[in-house]
Amino acid sequence: MVKILIDLSKEEDKIVEVYKLVNNLKTKQEAIKRMVKYFEVEIKPKNLKKNEEYYKKSLKF
């Protein structure tokens, strides 16, 4: 489990609040958890040489 503290602007807070209400959720935390599922992430190491064993293994992950 990971806990993250997010400092939302007023506009961002309103967006989360609307999403929460539209989806009948109880907390903003639940809303943010659902909202995060709409994004796709690709992780690439930037400070490793591409021929290093760790880099090769991470690409297979």
N, C-alpha and C. Protein backbone atom coordinates (compact mmCIF):
# COMPACT_ATOMS: atom_id res chain seq x y z
N MET A 1 0.84 -1.17 0.00
CA MET A 1 0.00 0.00 0.00
C MET A 1 0.89 1.24 0.00
N VAL A 2 0.48 2.21 -0.77
CA VAL A 2 1.21 3.46 -0.86
C VAL A 2 0.26 4.60 -0.50
N LYS A 3 0.72 5.48 0.35
CA LYS A 3 -0.08 6.66 0.67
C LYS A 3 0.62 7.87 0.07
N ILE A 4 -0.16 8.69 -0.61
CA ILE A 4 0.39 9.85 -1.28
C ILE A 4 -0.38 11.09 -0.82
N LEU A 5 0.34 12.12 -0.49
CA LEU A 5 -0.27 13.40 -0.13
C LEU A 5 -0.28 14.27 -1.38
N ILE A 6 -1.46 14.67 -1.81
CA ILE A 6 -1.59 15.47 -3.04
C ILE A 6 -2.14 16.84 -2.67
N ASP A 7 -1.45 17.87 -3.10
CA ASP A 7 -1.88 19.24 -2.87
C ASP A 7 -2.61 19.70 -4.13
N LEU A 8 -3.95 19.68 -4.11
CA LEU A 8 -4.74 20.04 -5.27
C LEU A 8 -5.05 21.54 -5.28
N SER A 9 -5.06 22.09 -6.49
CA SER A 9 -5.51 23.48 -6.62
C SER A 9 -7.03 23.49 -6.45
N LYS A 10 -7.61 24.68 -6.37
CA LYS A 10 -9.06 24.78 -6.20
C LYS A 10 -9.79 24.14 -7.38
N GLU A 11 -9.27 24.36 -8.58
CA GLU A 11 -9.89 23.80 -9.79
C GLU A 11 -9.80 22.28 -9.79
N GLU A 12 -8.63 21.74 -9.45
CA GLU A 12 -8.46 20.29 -9.39
C GLU A 12 -9.35 19.68 -8.32
N ASP A 13 -9.47 20.35 -7.20
CA ASP A 13 -10.32 19.87 -6.12
C ASP A 13 -11.78 19.80 -6.57
N LYS A 14 -12.22 20.79 -7.32
CA LYS A 14 -13.59 20.80 -7.84
C LYS A 14 -13.81 19.63 -8.80
N ILE A 15 -12.84 19.35 -9.65
CA ILE A 15 -12.95 18.25 -10.60
C ILE A 15 -13.10 16.92 -9.85
N VAL A 16 -12.29 16.73 -8.83
CA VAL A 16 -12.36 15.50 -8.04
C VAL A 16 -13.70 15.42 -7.32
N GLU A 17 -14.17 16.53 -6.79
CA GLU A 17 -15.45 16.56 -6.08
C GLU A 17 -16.60 16.21 -7.02
N VAL A 18 -16.59 16.75 -8.22
CA VAL A 18 -17.64 16.45 -9.20
C VAL A 18 -17.60 14.97 -9.58
N TYR A 19 -16.40 14.45 -9.83
CA TYR A 19 -16.26 13.02 -10.16
C TYR A 19 -16.80 12.16 -9.04
N LYS A 20 -16.50 12.54 -7.81
CA LYS A 20 -16.99 11.82 -6.64
C LYS A 20 -18.51 11.79 -6.60
N LEU A 21 -19.14 12.93 -6.81
CA LEU A 21 -20.59 13.04 -6.74
C LEU A 21 -21.27 12.28 -7.89
N VAL A 22 -20.73 12.42 -9.10
CA VAL A 22 -21.32 11.77 -10.27
C VAL A 22 -21.27 10.24 -10.14
N ASN A 23 -20.22 9.74 -9.51
CA ASN A 23 -20.05 8.29 -9.39
C ASN A 23 -20.50 7.73 -8.04
N ASN A 24 -21.20 8.55 -7.26
CA ASN A 24 -21.74 8.14 -5.96
C ASN A 24 -20.68 7.53 -5.04
N LEU A 25 -19.53 8.17 -4.97
CA LEU A 25 -18.44 7.71 -4.11
C LEU A 25 -18.50 8.46 -2.78
N LYS A 26 -17.92 7.87 -1.75
CA LYS A 26 -18.00 8.47 -0.41
C LYS A 26 -16.87 9.45 -0.12
N THR A 27 -15.69 9.21 -0.70
CA THR A 27 -14.55 10.07 -0.39
C THR A 27 -13.83 10.51 -1.66
N LYS A 28 -13.07 11.58 -1.53
CA LYS A 28 -12.25 12.04 -2.65
C LYS A 28 -11.14 11.04 -2.94
N GLN A 29 -10.69 10.34 -1.90
CA GLN A 29 -9.66 9.33 -2.08
C GLN A 29 -10.14 8.25 -3.05
N GLU A 30 -11.37 7.79 -2.88
CA GLU A 30 -11.94 6.80 -3.79
C GLU A 30 -12.01 7.36 -5.22
N ALA A 31 -12.40 8.61 -5.34
CA ALA A 31 -12.50 9.25 -6.66
C ALA A 31 -11.14 9.29 -7.34
N ILE A 32 -10.11 9.70 -6.61
CA ILE A 32 -8.77 9.79 -7.19
C ILE A 32 -8.27 8.41 -7.58
N LYS A 33 -8.54 7.39 -6.75
CA LYS A 33 -8.12 6.03 -7.08
C LYS A 33 -8.73 5.59 -8.41
N ARG A 34 -10.01 5.89 -8.62
CA ARG A 34 -10.66 5.51 -9.87
C ARG A 34 -10.13 6.33 -11.04
N MET A 35 -9.89 7.61 -10.81
CA MET A 35 -9.41 8.49 -11.88
C MET A 35 -8.04 8.05 -12.38
N VAL A 36 -7.21 7.57 -11.49
CA VAL A 36 -5.86 7.16 -11.85
C VAL A 36 -5.87 5.99 -12.83
N LYS A 37 -6.90 5.17 -12.77
CA LYS A 37 -6.99 4.00 -13.64
C LYS A 37 -7.15 4.36 -15.11
N TYR A 38 -7.47 5.61 -15.42
CA TYR A 38 -7.63 6.04 -16.80
C TYR A 38 -6.29 6.35 -17.49
N PHE A 39 -5.20 6.32 -16.75
CA PHE A 39 -3.90 6.68 -17.30
C PHE A 39 -3.03 5.44 -17.52
N GLU A 40 -2.16 5.53 -18.49
CA GLU A 40 -1.22 4.47 -18.78
C GLU A 40 0.19 5.03 -18.55
N VAL A 41 1.02 4.25 -17.91
CA VAL A 41 2.35 4.71 -17.56
C VAL A 41 3.40 3.80 -18.17
N GLU A 42 4.45 4.40 -18.67
CA GLU A 42 5.58 3.64 -19.18
C GLU A 42 6.81 4.11 -18.42
N ILE A 43 7.53 3.17 -17.82
CA ILE A 43 8.70 3.52 -17.01
C ILE A 43 9.96 3.12 -17.78
N LYS A 44 10.83 4.11 -17.97
CA LYS A 44 12.10 3.87 -18.65
C LYS A 44 13.22 4.45 -17.80
N PRO A 45 14.24 3.65 -17.51
CA PRO A 45 15.38 4.20 -16.77
C PRO A 45 16.13 5.20 -17.65
N LYS A 46 16.57 6.30 -17.07
CA LYS A 46 17.25 7.31 -17.87
C LYS A 46 18.74 7.42 -17.58
N ASN A 47 19.20 6.90 -16.45
CA ASN A 47 20.61 7.05 -16.10
C ASN A 47 21.39 5.74 -16.20
N LEU A 48 20.85 4.78 -16.89
CA LEU A 48 21.54 3.50 -17.04
C LEU A 48 21.98 3.32 -18.48
N LYS A 49 23.09 2.64 -18.64
CA LYS A 49 23.55 2.31 -19.98
C LYS A 49 22.67 1.18 -20.51
N LYS A 50 22.30 1.28 -21.77
CA LYS A 50 21.36 0.32 -22.33
C LYS A 50 21.92 -1.10 -22.41
N ASN A 51 23.19 -1.28 -22.29
CA ASN A 51 23.75 -2.62 -22.35
C ASN A 51 23.90 -3.26 -20.96
N GLU A 52 23.53 -2.54 -19.92
CA GLU A 52 23.62 -3.09 -18.57
C GLU A 52 22.55 -4.15 -18.36
N GLU A 53 22.90 -5.16 -17.58
CA GLU A 53 22.01 -6.29 -17.34
C GLU A 53 20.69 -5.84 -16.70
N TYR A 54 20.75 -4.90 -15.77
CA TYR A 54 19.55 -4.42 -15.09
C TYR A 54 18.56 -3.83 -16.10
N TYR A 55 19.07 -3.07 -17.04
CA TYR A 55 18.22 -2.44 -18.04
C TYR A 55 17.53 -3.51 -18.90
N LYS A 56 18.28 -4.50 -19.29
CA LYS A 56 17.72 -5.58 -20.11
C LYS A 56 16.61 -6.32 -19.36
N LYS A 57 16.83 -6.58 -18.06
CA LYS A 57 15.82 -7.26 -17.26
C LYS A 57 14.58 -6.39 -17.06
N SER A 58 14.75 -5.09 -16.89
CA SER A 58 13.61 -4.21 -16.67
C SER A 58 12.73 -4.11 -17.89
N LEU A 59 13.29 -4.26 -19.07
CA LEU A 59 12.48 -4.22 -20.28
C LEU A 59 11.58 -5.44 -20.39
N LYS A 60 12.02 -6.57 -19.82
CA LYS A 60 11.23 -7.79 -19.85
C LYS A 60 10.08 -7.73 -18.85
N PHE A 61 10.20 -6.89 -17.85
CA PHE A 61 9.17 -6.75 -16.81
C PHE A 61 7.92 -6.22 -17.43
